Amino acid sequence: QVQLVESGGGLVQAGGSLRLSCAASGSIFSGNAMGWYRQAPGKQRELVAAVSSGGVINYADSVKGRFTISFNNAKNTMYLQMNSLKSEDTAVYYCHSFFRWSNYWGQGTQVTVSS
């Protein structure tokens, strides 16, 4: 059973930074599609940053130039570095992986940006 566990969320002032981590229970990131999504209250879950199985990275227009997705395969961990945070970045952030034809989601971590 694949498990994804996010950490690193919290309360930060506008303009600040946070780094989210997503630890996987096994080596599921390498060569598979994975990424970060977020869901704000009353809104649908949306893509923040993702990497295709072919290694192509895609960012939402709203976070380009501010957020960076990265990986440490030795630690089975995916990261999302978030800089220049805005109040509109407030949401629950989820990590995701598509592995062996199944979708896996973490439990989510809350990010709150105060203006």
Protein backbone atom coordinates (compact mmCIF):
# COMPACT_ATOMS: atom_id res chain seq x y z
CA GLN A 1 0.00 0.00 0.00
CA VAL A 2 1.44 3.33 -1.08
CA GLN A 3 1.34 6.12 1.46
CA LEU A 4 2.11 9.78 0.93
CA VAL A 5 2.61 12.05 3.91
CA GLU A 6 2.84 15.81 3.55
CA SER A 7 4.45 18.16 6.02
CA GLY A 8 5.70 21.73 6.20
CA GLY A 9 2.48 23.69 6.04
CA GLY A 10 1.69 26.51 8.41
CA LEU A 11 0.91 30.18 8.83
CA VAL A 12 3.13 32.69 7.06
CA GLN A 13 2.92 36.37 6.23
CA ALA A 14 2.49 37.53 2.67
CA GLY A 15 5.87 37.66 0.95
CA GLY A 16 7.23 34.84 3.05
CA SER A 17 8.32 31.32 2.14
CA LEU A 18 7.47 27.75 3.04
CA ARG A 19 8.77 24.40 1.89
CA LEU A 20 6.37 21.49 1.75
CA SER A 21 7.58 17.90 1.82
CA CYS A 22 5.88 14.73 0.65
CA ALA A 23 7.38 11.50 1.91
CA ALA A 24 6.45 8.31 0.09
CA SER A 25 6.38 4.83 1.55
CA GLY A 26 8.44 3.49 -1.32
CA SER A 27 10.29 4.40 -4.49
CA ILE A 28 7.23 5.55 -6.39
CA PHE A 29 8.33 8.92 -7.68
CA SER A 30 11.05 7.99 -10.12
CA GLY A 31 9.65 7.58 -13.62
CA ASN A 32 6.05 8.20 -12.57
CA ALA A 33 3.78 11.20 -12.78
CA MET A 34 3.62 13.15 -9.55
CA GLY A 35 2.91 16.61 -8.29
CA TRP A 36 1.29 19.06 -5.95
CA TYR A 37 -2.33 20.21 -5.94
CA ARG A 38 -4.23 22.59 -3.71
CA GLN A 39 -7.80 23.23 -2.69
CA ALA A 40 -9.03 26.49 -1.25
CA PRO A 41 -12.35 26.71 0.63
CA GLY A 42 -15.27 26.62 -1.77
CA LYS A 43 -13.05 25.91 -4.77
CA GLN A 44 -12.10 22.87 -6.77
CA ARG A 45 -8.77 21.16 -6.32
CA GLU A 46 -6.27 22.59 -8.79
CA LEU A 47 -2.85 21.71 -10.10
CA VAL A 48 0.04 23.65 -8.61
CA ALA A 49 3.07 21.86 -10.04
CA ALA A 50 3.54 18.47 -11.62
CA VAL A 51 6.06 16.29 -13.36
CA SER A 52 5.02 13.87 -16.08
CA SER A 53 6.39 10.35 -16.33
CA GLY A 54 8.65 11.73 -19.04
CA GLY A 55 10.10 14.34 -16.71
CA VAL A 56 8.29 17.40 -18.08
CA ILE A 57 7.54 19.93 -15.34
CA ASN A 58 4.39 22.02 -15.47
CA TYR A 59 3.41 24.87 -13.17
CA ALA A 60 0.13 26.70 -12.77
CA ASP A 61 0.40 30.19 -14.22
CA SER A 62 -0.41 31.65 -10.83
CA VAL A 63 2.72 30.17 -9.22
CA LYS A 64 5.27 30.35 -12.04
CA GLY A 65 8.45 32.03 -10.91
CA ARG A 66 7.49 31.66 -7.24
CA PHE A 67 7.14 27.89 -6.62
CA THR A 68 9.62 25.14 -7.41
CA ILE A 69 9.05 21.39 -7.36
CA SER A 70 12.00 19.14 -6.60
CA PHE A 71 12.84 15.59 -5.54
CA ASN A 72 15.21 13.58 -3.44
CA ASN A 73 14.89 10.08 -4.81
CA ALA A 74 17.24 8.66 -2.19
CA LYS A 75 14.78 9.81 0.46
CA ASN A 76 11.63 9.09 -1.58
CA THR A 77 10.61 12.67 -0.95
CA MET A 78 9.12 15.39 -3.12
CA TYR A 79 9.28 19.06 -2.20
CA LEU A 80 7.48 22.26 -3.08
CA GLN A 81 9.44 25.41 -2.35
CA MET A 82 7.03 28.33 -2.15
CA ASN A 83 8.40 31.86 -2.22
CA SER A 84 6.75 35.28 -2.35
CA LEU A 85 3.58 33.81 -0.93
CA LYS A 86 0.30 35.63 -1.46
CA SER A 87 -3.00 35.47 0.40
CA GLU A 88 -4.51 33.70 -2.60
CA ASP A 89 -2.08 30.82 -2.05
CA THR A 90 -4.00 29.91 1.10
CA ALA A 91 -5.27 26.34 0.68
CA VAL A 92 -4.81 22.74 1.66
CA TYR A 93 -1.93 21.35 -0.35
CA TYR A 94 -1.90 17.72 -1.46
CA CYS A 95 0.80 15.63 -3.02
CA HIS A 96 -0.13 13.15 -5.68
CA SER A 97 1.41 10.26 -7.53
CA PHE A 98 0.16 8.11 -10.37
CA PHE A 99 1.81 4.75 -9.77
CA ARG A 100 1.02 1.38 -11.32
CA TRP A 101 -2.20 2.73 -12.85
CA SER A 102 -3.54 4.07 -9.57
CA ASN A 103 -3.80 7.55 -8.11
CA TYR A 104 -2.40 8.16 -4.65
CA TRP A 105 -2.99 11.26 -2.52
CA GLY A 106 -1.59 12.48 0.74
CA GLN A 107 -3.78 13.70 3.56
CA GLY A 108 -3.02 17.35 2.84
CA THR A 109 -1.26 20.12 4.71
CA GLN A 110 -2.76 23.53 5.40
CA VAL A 111 -0.99 26.64 4.15
CA THR A 112 -2.35 29.96 5.38
CA VAL A 113 -0.92 33.23 4.13
CA SER A 114 -1.85 36.33 6.10
CA SER A 115 -1.95 39.68 4.34
